[in-house]
Amino acid sequence: MPRVPEEAKYTHLRRPNHSTSSDSLDFNEDDIHAAGGIYGIEMGLRRDSYWFVRLGTIEGRKSALGWSYTDEALAALPVADPDTWQLGQRNPSFKRGELERQIFQSLFQSLSAFLKSWNHEEDELISAYTPKEIRISPDRISSIASALTSIGRAQDVVDITVLKYWYDPEWKSHGQQMT
């Protein structure tokens, strides 16, 4: 059995389709090598995500509960510039025009803001809500884009799955989300 080092560097990526810090993905050097390099990992993220971004590399430490890193290390990761997010294949606007991309991003951000209004404190923790999945087809996105272009307004119904999670308000890394 190979010896696991006590410390390792992790490449930290975030997928905002769950938009929480808890949906950040971390890959150590062995994971990156096994995937065929960072390109292999990015291909997996592209297949499974609405958007994704690489935030950087941080030090991890092995404990009895598995690998961990300090809240300060996570908080020190940069907030990704909106132009650096890469489009994933689960995004209904994938392989569509810029208007369709803007419509889906606006829909995602609007639903996120609406669900954020449900957040409340419970036993010194924050109970929070975020979109887990937005079920709208690429054709419906294009139909909305056509309606907006031709008559300037559009209305449609969207199905969403919501994820409830909790966090400690003192966690420094929680606030880093897609804008």
Foldseek 3Di string as FASTA:
>chain_A
DDDDDQKFKWWWKAACLQFWPVRIDIDTPVRQVVLVHPVSVVLVCLAPGQKMATQGMDMWGQDPVGIDDDLVRLLPGDQDDLVRIDGHPLRQCVVHDPQLVVVSVVVQVVQQVVQQVVWDDDPQKIKGKHWNDKDDHNVVSVVQVVCCVPPNGDDDDIDTDMDIDIGHPPRSNGPRGRD
